[in-house]
Amino acid sequence: MHARIAKYTYTGDGEALARRAEEGLLPIFQSQTGFQDYTIIVNEEKVISISAWDSAEHAEAANAAAAGWVAENMTDEIELKNTTIGEILVSTTLGISTKAGITA
């Protein structure tokens, strides 16, 4: 399983931005092949978007979908700082472990 992690700086109300992403971007992710999970973390400085996917290719497709949605809906409020895609090796939520034989 792979994750897409995107870090943004933002202006305005972080909770309102998260709500808009949940209402607008989450359904797009859910409609894509390989979707597993979506998390939004907000602090005073950044919005961090984490999504889990069956493969790196699915995560890359999500990256393109997110970029398009953000460009159309949040350009004035957030700015992408970086994106990382990598393999998830441990996740208690997703049932992934480095211990042999332990999966969800």
PDB file of N, CA and C in Angstrom:
ATOM      1  N   MET A   1       0.844  -1.165   0.000  1.00  0.00           N
ATOM      2  CA  MET A   1       0.000   0.000   0.000  1.00  0.00           C
ATOM      3  C   MET A   1       0.898   1.239   0.000  1.00  0.00           C
ATOM      4  N   HIS A   2       0.392   2.309  -0.621  1.00  0.00           N
ATOM      5  CA  HIS A   2       1.174   3.550  -0.756  1.00  0.00           C
ATOM      6  C   HIS A   2       0.387   4.752  -0.243  1.00  0.00           C
ATOM      7  N   ALA A   3       1.127   5.765   0.176  1.00  0.00           N
ATOM      8  CA  ALA A   3       0.512   6.999   0.664  1.00  0.00           C
ATOM      9  C   ALA A   3       0.919   8.160  -0.215  1.00  0.00           C
ATOM     10  N   ARG A   4       0.009   9.100  -0.326  1.00  0.00           N
ATOM     11  CA  ARG A   4       0.288  10.409  -0.918  1.00  0.00           C
ATOM     12  C   ARG A   4       0.197  11.407   0.230  1.00  0.00           C
ATOM     13  N   ILE A   5       1.274  12.134   0.464  1.00  0.00           N
ATOM     14  CA  ILE A   5       1.300  13.146   1.515  1.00  0.00           C
ATOM     15  C   ILE A   5       1.582  14.488   0.859  1.00  0.00           C
ATOM     16  N   ALA A   6       0.670  15.427   1.040  1.00  0.00           N
ATOM     17  CA  ALA A   6       0.833  16.765   0.472  1.00  0.00           C
ATOM     18  C   ALA A   6       0.810  17.781   1.604  1.00  0.00           C
ATOM     19  N   LYS A   7       1.772  18.696   1.583  1.00  0.00           N
ATOM     20  CA  LYS A   7       1.841  19.752   2.591  1.00  0.00           C
ATOM     21  C   LYS A   7       1.577  21.089   1.923  1.00  0.00           C
ATOM     22  N   TYR A   8       0.664  21.847   2.526  1.00  0.00           N
ATOM     23  CA  TYR A   8       0.264  23.148   2.013  1.00  0.00           C
ATOM     24  C   TYR A   8       0.414  24.192   3.119  1.00  0.00           C
ATOM     25  N   THR A   9       0.717  25.426   2.735  1.00  0.00           N
ATOM     26  CA  THR A   9       0.520  26.544   3.636  1.00  0.00           C
ATOM     27  C   THR A   9      -0.848  27.121   3.290  1.00  0.00           C
ATOM     28  N   TYR A  10      -1.441  27.840   4.234  1.00  0.00           N
ATOM     29  CA  TYR A  10      -2.788  28.344   3.977  1.00  0.00           C
ATOM     30  C   TYR A  10      -3.023  29.684   4.661  1.00  0.00           C
ATOM     31  N   THR A  11      -4.059  30.354   4.197  1.00  0.00           N
ATOM     32  CA  THR A  11      -4.564  31.553   4.850  1.00  0.00           C
ATOM     33  C   THR A  11      -6.030  31.298   5.171  1.00  0.00           C
ATOM     34  N   GLY A  12      -6.519  31.971   6.179  1.00  0.00           N
ATOM     35  CA  GLY A  12      -7.930  31.807   6.522  1.00  0.00           C
ATOM     36  C   GLY A  12      -8.148  30.759   7.594  1.00  0.00           C
ATOM     37  N   ASP A  13      -9.302  30.133   7.545  1.00  0.00           N
ATOM     38  CA  ASP A  13      -9.766  29.173   8.539  1.00  0.00           C
ATOM     39  C   ASP A  13      -9.411  27.757   8.095  1.00  0.00           C
ATOM     40  N   GLY A  14      -8.451  27.132   8.780  1.00  0.00           N
ATOM     41  CA  GLY A  14      -8.004  25.791   8.427  1.00  0.00           C
ATOM     42  C   GLY A  14      -9.106  24.753   8.519  1.00  0.00           C
ATOM     43  N   GLU A  15      -9.964  24.880   9.525  1.00  0.00           N
ATOM     44  CA  GLU A  15     -11.067  23.929   9.669  1.00  0.00           C
ATOM     45  C   GLU A  15     -12.050  24.042   8.500  1.00  0.00           C
ATOM     46  N   ALA A  16     -12.313  25.254   8.057  1.00  0.00           N
ATOM     47  CA  ALA A  16     -13.207  25.458   6.909  1.00  0.00           C
ATOM     48  C   ALA A  16     -12.591  24.873   5.641  1.00  0.00           C
ATOM     49  N   LEU A  17     -11.282  25.031   5.479  1.00  0.00           N
ATOM     50  CA  LEU A  17     -10.606  24.449   4.315  1.00  0.00           C
ATOM     51  C   LEU A  17     -10.689  22.927   4.351  1.00  0.00           C
ATOM     52  N   ALA A  18     -10.493  22.340   5.527  1.00  0.00           N
ATOM     53  CA  ALA A  18     -10.588  20.879   5.663  1.00  0.00           C
ATOM     54  C   ALA A  18     -11.999  20.400   5.331  1.00  0.00           C
ATOM     55  N   ARG A  19     -12.995  21.139   5.793  1.00  0.00           N
ATOM     56  CA  ARG A  19     -14.382  20.786   5.502  1.00  0.00           C
ATOM     57  C   ARG A  19     -14.655  20.827   3.995  1.00  0.00           C
ATOM     58  N   ARG A  20     -14.137  21.852   3.326  1.00  0.00           N
ATOM     59  CA  ARG A  20     -14.321  21.951   1.869  1.00  0.00           C
ATOM     60  C   ARG A  20     -13.626  20.805   1.147  1.00  0.00           C
ATOM     61  N   ALA A  21     -12.436  20.424   1.606  1.00  0.00           N
ATOM     62  CA  ALA A  21     -11.730  19.297   0.994  1.00  0.00           C
ATOM     63  C   ALA A  21     -12.488  17.995   1.234  1.00  0.00           C
ATOM     64  N   GLU A  22     -13.024  17.836   2.427  1.00  0.00           N
ATOM     65  CA  GLU A  22     -13.802  16.638   2.721  1.00  0.00           C
ATOM     66  C   GLU A  22     -15.043  16.551   1.826  1.00  0.00           C
ATOM     67  N   GLU A  23     -15.677  17.676   1.604  1.00  0.00           N
ATOM     68  CA  GLU A  23     -16.888  17.705   0.776  1.00  0.00           C
ATOM     69  C   GLU A  23     -16.580  17.602  -0.719  1.00  0.00           C
ATOM     70  N   GLY A  24     -15.443  18.160  -1.149  1.00  0.00           N
ATOM     71  CA  GLY A  24     -15.150  18.206  -2.585  1.00  0.00           C
ATOM     72  C   GLY A  24     -14.141  17.192  -3.065  1.00  0.00           C
ATOM     73  N   LEU A  25     -13.032  17.055  -2.366  1.00  0.00           N
ATOM     74  CA  LEU A  25     -11.959  16.171  -2.820  1.00  0.00           C
ATOM     75  C   LEU A  25     -12.172  14.724  -2.399  1.00  0.00           C
ATOM     76  N   LEU A  26     -12.682  14.494  -1.206  1.00  0.00           N
ATOM     77  CA  LEU A  26     -12.894  13.126  -0.743  1.00  0.00           C
ATOM     78  C   LEU A  26     -13.760  12.310  -1.705  1.00  0.00           C
ATOM     79  N   PRO A  27     -14.883  12.828  -2.195  1.00  0.00           N
ATOM     80  CA  PRO A  27     -15.666  12.032  -3.146  1.00  0.00           C
ATOM     81  C   PRO A  27     -14.890  11.694  -4.429  1.00  0.00           C
ATOM     82  N   ILE A  28     -14.011  12.584  -4.851  1.00  0.00           N
ATOM     83  CA  ILE A  28     -13.186  12.309  -6.028  1.00  0.00           C
ATOM     84  C   ILE A  28     -12.242  11.156  -5.717  1.00  0.00           C
ATOM     85  N   PHE A  29     -11.571  11.213  -4.566  1.00  0.00           N
ATOM     86  CA  PHE A  29     -10.685  10.117  -4.164  1.00  0.00           C
ATOM     87  C   PHE A  29     -11.464   8.805  -4.062  1.00  0.00           C
ATOM     88  N   GLN A  30     -12.625   8.839  -3.422  1.00  0.00           N
ATOM     89  CA  GLN A  30     -13.410   7.625  -3.224  1.00  0.00           C
ATOM     90  C   GLN A  30     -13.842   6.994  -4.542  1.00  0.00           C
ATOM     91  N   SER A  31     -13.978   7.790  -5.579  1.00  0.00           N
ATOM     92  CA  SER A  31     -14.397   7.258  -6.880  1.00  0.00           C
ATOM     93  C   SER A  31     -13.231   6.659  -7.672  1.00  0.00           C
ATOM     94  N   GLN A  32     -12.006   6.871  -7.191  1.00  0.00           N
ATOM     95  CA  GLN A  32     -10.833   6.381  -7.907  1.00  0.00           C
ATOM     96  C   GLN A  32     -10.456   4.971  -7.459  1.00  0.00           C
ATOM     97  N   THR A  33      -9.961   4.191  -8.398  1.00  0.00           N
ATOM     98  CA  THR A  33      -9.490   2.842  -8.113  1.00  0.00           C
ATOM     99  C   THR A  33      -8.327   2.889  -7.130  1.00  0.00           C
ATOM    100  N   GLY A  34      -8.347   1.991  -6.155  1.00  0.00           N
ATOM    101  CA  GLY A  34      -7.243   1.856  -5.220  1.00  0.00           C
ATOM    102  C   GLY A  34      -7.342   2.693  -3.965  1.00  0.00           C
ATOM    103  N   PHE A  35      -8.396   3.491  -3.822  1.00  0.00           N
ATOM    104  CA  PHE A  35      -8.533   4.352  -2.642  1.00  0.00           C
ATOM    105  C   PHE A  35      -8.729   3.520  -1.379  1.00  0.00           C
ATOM    106  N   GLN A  36      -8.049   3.919  -0.287  1.00  0.00           N
ATOM    107  CA  GLN A  36      -8.184   3.240   1.000  1.00  0.00           C
ATOM    108  C   GLN A  36      -8.569   4.179   2.140  1.00  0.00           C
ATOM    109  N   ASP A  37      -7.960   5.372   2.208  1.00  0.00           N
ATOM    110  CA  ASP A  37      -8.151   6.230   3.371  1.00  0.00           C
ATOM    111  C   ASP A  37      -7.742   7.661   3.038  1.00  0.00           C
ATOM    112  N   TYR A  38      -8.344   8.611   3.766  1.00  0.00           N
ATOM    113  CA  TYR A  38      -8.014  10.028   3.587  1.00  0.00           C
ATOM    114  C   TYR A  38      -7.987  10.703   4.955  1.00  0.00           C
ATOM    115  N   THR A  39      -6.932  11.448   5.222  1.00  0.00           N
ATOM    116  CA  THR A  39      -6.758  12.158   6.479  1.00  0.00           C
ATOM    117  C   THR A  39      -6.319  13.588   6.186  1.00  0.00           C
ATOM    118  N   ILE A  40      -6.867  14.548   6.926  1.00  0.00           N
ATOM    119  CA  ILE A  40      -6.439  15.939   6.832  1.00  0.00           C
ATOM    120  C   ILE A  40      -5.993  16.379   8.219  1.00  0.00           C
ATOM    121  N   ILE A  41      -4.807  16.948   8.301  1.00  0.00           N
ATOM    122  CA  ILE A  41      -4.252  17.461   9.552  1.00  0.00           C
ATOM    123  C   ILE A  41      -4.024  18.956   9.362  1.00  0.00           C
ATOM    124  N   VAL A  42      -4.441  19.765  10.337  1.00  0.00           N
ATOM    125  CA  VAL A  42      -4.277  21.214  10.249  1.00  0.00           C
ATOM    126  C   VAL A  42      -3.630  21.722  11.526  1.00  0.00           C
ATOM    127  N   ASN A  43      -2.631  22.598  11.381  1.00  0.00           N
ATOM    128  CA  ASN A  43      -2.126  23.349  12.524  1.00  0.00           C
ATOM    129  C   ASN A  43      -2.097  24.817  12.135  1.00  0.00           C
ATOM    130  N   GLU A  44      -1.449  25.648  12.919  1.00  0.00           N
ATOM    131  CA  GLU A  44      -1.459  27.093  12.655  1.00  0.00           C
ATOM    132  C   GLU A  44      -0.777  27.476  11.349  1.00  0.00           C
ATOM    133  N   GLU A  45       0.071  26.603  10.834  1.00  0.00           N
ATOM    134  CA  GLU A  45       0.883  26.941   9.669  1.00  0.00           C
ATOM    135  C   GLU A  45       0.564  26.140   8.413  1.00  0.00           C
ATOM    136  N   LYS A  46       0.150  24.888   8.581  1.00  0.00           N
ATOM    137  CA  LYS A  46       0.053  23.988   7.432  1.00  0.00           C
ATOM    138  C   LYS A  46      -1.222  23.158   7.445  1.00  0.00           C
ATOM    139  N   VAL A  47      -1.593  22.747   6.246  1.00  0.00           N
ATOM    140  CA  VAL A  47      -2.576  21.696   6.038  1.00  0.00           C
ATOM    141  C   VAL A  47      -1.796  20.525   5.455  1.00  0.00           C
ATOM    142  N   ILE A  48      -1.961  19.354   6.054  1.00  0.00           N
ATOM    143  CA  ILE A  48      -1.306  18.151   5.556  1.00  0.00           C
ATOM    144  C   ILE A  48      -2.399  17.176   5.150  1.00  0.00           C
ATOM    145  N   SER A  49      -2.329  16.729   3.904  1.00  0.00           N
ATOM    146  CA  SER A  49      -3.293  15.801   3.346  1.00  0.00           C
ATOM    147  C   SER A  49      -2.593  14.456   3.153  1.00  0.00           C
ATOM    148  N   ILE A  50      -3.168  13.402   3.760  1.00  0.00           N
ATOM    149  CA  ILE A  50      -2.593  12.068   3.644  1.00  0.00           C
ATOM    150  C   ILE A  50      -3.673  11.141   3.107  1.00  0.00           C
ATOM    151  N   SER A  51      -3.366  10.461   2.028  1.00  0.00           N
ATOM    152  CA  SER A  51      -4.301   9.480   1.502  1.00  0.00           C
ATOM    153  C   SER A  51      -3.553   8.179   1.258  1.00  0.00           C
ATOM    154  N   ALA A  52      -4.271   7.063   1.427  1.00  0.00           N
ATOM    155  CA  ALA A  52      -3.682   5.736   1.252  1.00  0.00           C
ATOM    156  C   ALA A  52      -4.293   5.070   0.029  1.00  0.00           C
ATOM    157  N   TRP A  53      -3.427   4.382  -0.725  1.00  0.00           N
ATOM    158  CA  TRP A  53      -3.801   3.804  -2.015  1.00  0.00           C
ATOM    159  C   TRP A  53      -3.205   2.414  -2.163  1.00  0.00           C
ATOM    160  N   ASP A  54      -3.833   1.598  -2.979  1.00  0.00           N
ATOM    161  CA  ASP A  54      -3.356   0.231  -3.199  1.00  0.00           C
ATOM    162  C   ASP A  54      -1.977   0.169  -3.852  1.00  0.00           C
ATOM    163  N   SER A  55      -1.635   1.169  -4.665  1.00  0.00           N
ATOM    164  CA  SER A  55      -0.352   1.134  -5.376  1.00  0.00           C
ATOM    165  C   SER A  55       0.195   2.544  -5.566  1.00  0.00           C
ATOM    166  N   ALA A  56       1.461   2.617  -5.941  1.00  0.00           N
ATOM    167  CA  ALA A  56       2.076   3.906  -6.250  1.00  0.00           C
ATOM    168  C   ALA A  56       1.373   4.571  -7.431  1.00  0.00           C
ATOM    169  N   GLU A  57       0.963   3.782  -8.396  1.00  0.00           N
ATOM    170  CA  GLU A  57       0.269   4.330  -9.571  1.00  0.00           C
ATOM    171  C   GLU A  57      -1.056   4.979  -9.174  1.00  0.00           C
ATOM    172  N   HIS A  58      -1.777   4.332  -8.257  1.00  0.00           N
ATOM    173  CA  HIS A  58      -3.037   4.920  -7.777  1.00  0.00           C
ATOM    174  C   HIS A  58      -2.772   6.221  -7.019  1.00  0.00           C
ATOM    175  N   ALA A  59      -1.699   6.247  -6.233  1.00  0.00           N
ATOM    176  CA  ALA A  59      -1.341   7.461  -5.492  1.00  0.00           C
ATOM    177  C   ALA A  59      -0.958   8.590  -6.446  1.00  0.00           C
ATOM    178  N   GLU A  60      -0.249   8.259  -7.509  1.00  0.00           N
ATOM    179  CA  GLU A  60       0.115   9.261  -8.523  1.00  0.00           C
ATOM    180  C   GLU A  60      -1.128   9.821  -9.203  1.00  0.00           C
ATOM    181  N   ALA A  61      -2.091   8.963  -9.515  1.00  0.00           N
ATOM    182  CA  ALA A  61      -3.343   9.423 -10.125  1.00  0.00           C
ATOM    183  C   ALA A  61      -4.093  10.343  -9.164  1.00  0.00           C
ATOM    184  N   ALA A  62      -4.065  10.011  -7.878  1.00  0.00           N
ATOM    185  CA  ALA A  62      -4.699  10.859  -6.869  1.00  0.00           C
ATOM    186  C   ALA A  62      -4.005  12.207  -6.786  1.00  0.00           C
ATOM    187  N   ASN A  63      -2.703  12.208  -6.950  1.00  0.00           N
ATOM    188  CA  ASN A  63      -1.940  13.450  -6.921  1.00  0.00           C
ATOM    189  C   ASN A  63      -2.413  14.391  -8.025  1.00  0.00           C
ATOM    190  N   ALA A  64      -2.599  13.856  -9.207  1.00  0.00           N
ATOM    191  CA  ALA A  64      -3.084  14.671 -10.327  1.00  0.00           C
ATOM    192  C   ALA A  64      -4.510  15.161 -10.069  1.00  0.00           C
ATOM    193  N   ALA A  65      -5.355  14.285  -9.532  1.00  0.00           N
ATOM    194  CA  ALA A  65      -6.743  14.680  -9.243  1.00  0.00           C
ATOM    195  C   ALA A  65      -6.783  15.771  -8.185  1.00  0.00           C
ATOM    196  N   ALA A  66      -5.965  15.634  -7.156  1.00  0.00           N
ATOM    197  CA  ALA A  66      -5.935  16.643  -6.092  1.00  0.00           C
ATOM    198  C   ALA A  66      -5.444  17.978  -6.623  1.00  0.00           C
ATOM    199  N   ALA A  67      -4.404  17.956  -7.435  1.00  0.00           N
ATOM    200  CA  ALA A  67      -3.870  19.200  -7.993  1.00  0.00           C
ATOM    201  C   ALA A  67      -4.938  19.931  -8.813  1.00  0.00           C
ATOM    202  N   GLY A  68      -5.682  19.190  -9.601  1.00  0.00           N
ATOM    203  CA  GLY A  68      -6.736  19.794 -10.409  1.00  0.00           C
ATOM    204  C   GLY A  68      -7.849  20.380  -9.566  1.00  0.00           C
ATOM    205  N   TRP A  69      -8.279  19.638  -8.534  1.00  0.00           N
ATOM    206  CA  TRP A  69      -9.357  20.116  -7.684  1.00  0.00           C
ATOM    207  C   TRP A  69      -8.924  21.347  -6.886  1.00  0.00           C
ATOM    208  N   VAL A  70      -7.725  21.315  -6.336  1.00  0.00           N
ATOM    209  CA  VAL A  70      -7.225  22.458  -5.567  1.00  0.00           C
ATOM    210  C   VAL A  70      -7.107  23.691  -6.464  1.00  0.00           C
ATOM    211  N   ALA A  71      -6.600  23.519  -7.677  1.00  0.00           N
ATOM    212  CA  ALA A  71      -6.465  24.647  -8.607  1.00  0.00           C
ATOM    213  C   ALA A  71      -7.818  25.287  -8.910  1.00  0.00           C
ATOM    214  N   GLU A  72      -8.854  24.474  -9.002  1.00  0.00           N
ATOM    215  CA  GLU A  72     -10.183  24.988  -9.317  1.00  0.00           C
ATOM    216  C   GLU A  72     -10.928  25.551  -8.106  1.00  0.00           C
ATOM    217  N   ASN A  73     -10.555  25.114  -6.897  1.00  0.00           N
ATOM    218  CA  ASN A  73     -11.382  25.426  -5.733  1.00  0.00           C
ATOM    219  C   ASN A  73     -10.698  26.151  -4.580  1.00  0.00           C
ATOM    220  N   MET A  74      -9.363  26.147  -4.527  1.00  0.00           N
ATOM    221  CA  MET A  74      -8.695  26.711  -3.355  1.00  0.00           C
ATOM    222  C   MET A  74      -7.427  27.502  -3.665  1.00  0.00           C
ATOM    223  N   THR A  75      -7.221  27.867  -4.887  1.00  0.00           N
ATOM    224  CA  THR A  75      -5.976  28.516  -5.286  1.00  0.00           C
ATOM    225  C   THR A  75      -5.637  29.731  -4.437  1.00  0.00           C
ATOM    226  N   ASP A  76      -6.622  30.532  -4.076  1.00  0.00           N
ATOM    227  CA  ASP A  76      -6.360  31.755  -3.320  1.00  0.00           C
ATOM    228  C   ASP A  76      -6.097  31.509  -1.837  1.00  0.00           C
ATOM    229  N   GLU A  77      -6.403  30.300  -1.352  1.00  0.00           N
ATOM    230  CA  GLU A  77      -6.308  30.046   0.082  1.00  0.00           C
ATOM    231  C   GLU A  77      -5.180  29.111   0.503  1.00  0.00           C
ATOM    232  N   ILE A  78      -4.731  28.245  -0.393  1.00  0.00           N
ATOM    233  CA  ILE A  78      -3.644  27.342  -0.029  1.00  0.00           C
ATOM    234  C   ILE A  78      -2.584  27.298  -1.119  1.00  0.00           C
ATOM    235  N   GLU A  79      -1.378  26.967  -0.698  1.00  0.00           N
ATOM    236  CA  GLU A  79      -0.262  26.842  -1.634  1.00  0.00           C
ATOM    237  C   GLU A  79       0.470  25.538  -1.345  1.00  0.00           C
ATOM    238  N   LEU A  80       0.586  24.692  -2.355  1.00  0.00           N
ATOM    239  CA  LEU A  80       1.293  23.419  -2.214  1.00  0.00           C
ATOM    240  C   LEU A  80       2.769  23.672  -1.993  1.00  0.00           C
ATOM    241  N   LYS A  81       3.320  23.071  -0.951  1.00  0.00           N
ATOM    242  CA  LYS A  81       4.753  23.184  -0.658  1.00  0.00           C
ATOM    243  C   LYS A  81       5.514  21.953  -1.127  1.00  0.00           C
ATOM    244  N   ASN A  82       4.956  20.763  -0.904  1.00  0.00           N
ATOM    245  CA  ASN A  82       5.581  19.548  -1.437  1.00  0.00           C
ATOM    246  C   ASN A  82       4.629  18.373  -1.346  1.00  0.00           C
ATOM    247  N   THR A  83       4.918  17.380  -2.163  1.00  0.00           N
ATOM    248  CA  THR A  83       4.150  16.142  -2.195  1.00  0.00           C
ATOM    249  C   THR A  83       5.120  14.970  -2.171  1.00  0.00           C
ATOM    250  N   THR A  84       4.772  13.953  -1.404  1.00  0.00           N
ATOM    251  CA  THR A  84       5.578  12.741  -1.319  1.00  0.00           C
ATOM    252  C   THR A  84       4.677  11.534  -1.521  1.00  0.00           C
ATOM    253  N   ILE A  85       5.155  10.578  -2.272  1.00  0.00           N
ATOM    254  CA  ILE A  85       4.457   9.305  -2.417  1.00  0.00           C
ATOM    255  C   ILE A  85       5.432   8.220  -1.998  1.00  0.00           C
ATOM    256  N   GLY A  86       4.977   7.345  -1.101  1.00  0.00           N
ATOM    257  CA  GLY A  86       5.847   6.280  -0.622  1.00  0.00           C
ATOM    258  C   GLY A  86       5.057   5.098  -0.113  1.00  0.00           C
ATOM    259  N   GLU A  87       5.760   4.016   0.106  1.00  0.00           N
ATOM    260  CA  GLU A  87       5.140   2.790   0.582  1.00  0.00           C
ATOM    261  C   GLU A  87       4.844   2.890   2.077  1.00  0.00           C
ATOM    262  N   ILE A  88       3.656   2.468   2.466  1.00  0.00           N
ATOM    263  CA  ILE A  88       3.268   2.426   3.872  1.00  0.00           C
ATOM    264  C   ILE A  88       3.771   1.093   4.439  1.00  0.00           C
ATOM    265  N   LEU A  89       4.629   1.152   5.447  1.00  0.00           N
ATOM    266  CA  LEU A  89       5.181  -0.065   6.037  1.00  0.00           C
ATOM    267  C   LEU A  89       4.511  -0.454   7.351  1.00  0.00           C
ATOM    268  N   VAL A  90       3.989   0.521   8.093  1.00  0.00           N
ATOM    269  CA  VAL A  90       3.284   0.250   9.346  1.00  0.00           C
ATOM    270  C   VAL A  90       2.097   1.196   9.433  1.00  0.00           C
ATOM    271  N   SER A  91       0.930   0.650   9.686  1.00  0.00           N
ATOM    272  CA  SER A  91      -0.266   1.450   9.933  1.00  0.00           C
ATOM    273  C   SER A  91      -1.239   0.632  10.762  1.00  0.00           C
ATOM    274  N   THR A  92      -1.477   1.067  11.983  1.00  0.00           N
ATOM    275  CA  THR A  92      -2.432   0.357  12.818  1.00  0.00           C
ATOM    276  C   THR A  92      -3.852   0.530  12.282  1.00  0.00           C
ATOM    277  N   THR A  93      -4.139   1.669  11.689  1.00  0.00           N
ATOM    278  CA  THR A  93      -5.463   1.916  11.125  1.00  0.00           C
ATOM    279  C   THR A  93      -5.736   1.029   9.916  1.00  0.00           C
ATOM    280  N   LEU A  94      -4.742   0.872   9.058  1.00  0.00           N
ATOM    281  CA  LEU A  94      -4.913   0.101   7.842  1.00  0.00           C
ATOM    282  C   LEU A  94      -4.541  -1.374   8.010  1.00  0.00           C
ATOM    283  N   GLY A  95      -4.051  -1.738   9.193  1.00  0.00           N
ATOM    284  CA  GLY A  95      -3.705  -3.130   9.452  1.00  0.00           C
ATOM    285  C   GLY A  95      -2.448  -3.588   8.749  1.00  0.00           C
ATOM    286  N   ILE A  96      -1.472  -2.706   8.607  1.00  0.00           N
ATOM    287  CA  ILE A  96      -0.218  -3.032   7.935  1.00  0.00           C
ATOM    288  C   ILE A  96       0.879  -3.123   8.982  1.00  0.00           C
ATOM    289  N   SER A  97       1.691  -4.191   8.902  1.00  0.00           N
ATOM    290  CA  SER A  97       2.764  -4.390   9.861  1.00  0.00           C
ATOM    291  C   SER A  97       3.986  -4.946   9.152  1.00  0.00           C
ATOM    292  N   THR A  98       5.156  -4.673   9.709  1.00  0.00           N
ATOM    293  CA  THR A  98       6.390  -5.250   9.185  1.00  0.00           C
ATOM    294  C   THR A  98       6.583  -6.677   9.672  1.00  0.00           C
ATOM    295  N   LYS A  99       5.768  -7.104  10.629  1.00  0.00           N
ATOM    296  CA  LYS A  99       5.857  -8.468  11.153  1.00  0.00           C
ATOM    297  C   LYS A  99       5.249  -9.429  10.156  1.00  0.00           C
ATOM    298  N   ALA A 100       5.958 -10.483   9.839  1.00  0.00           N
ATOM    299  CA  ALA A 100       5.517 -11.453   8.840  1.00  0.00           C
ATOM    300  C   ALA A 100       4.136 -12.015   9.194  1.00  0.00           C
ATOM    301  N   GLY A 101       3.290 -12.051   8.185  1.00  0.00           N
ATOM    302  CA  GLY A 101       1.976 -12.669   8.342  1.00  0.00           C
ATOM    303  C   GLY A 101       0.911 -11.795   8.956  1.00  0.00           C
ATOM    304  N   ILE A 102       1.208 -10.553   9.283  1.00  0.00           N
ATOM    305  CA  ILE A 102       0.206  -9.681   9.893  1.00  0.00           C
ATOM    306  C   ILE A 102      -0.295  -8.694   8.850  1.00  0.00           C
ATOM    307  N   THR A 103      -1.535  -8.858   8.454  1.00  0.00           N
ATOM    308  CA  THR A 103      -2.192  -7.928   7.530  1.00  0.00           C
ATOM    309  C   THR A 103      -3.638  -7.775   7.967  1.00  0.00           C
ATOM    310  N   ALA A 104      -4.294  -6.786   7.411  1.00  0.00           N
ATOM    311  CA  ALA A 104      -5.713  -6.543   7.749  1.00  0.00           C
ATOM    312  C   ALA A 104      -6.582  -7.630   7.178  1.00  0.00           C
TER     313      ALA A 104
END
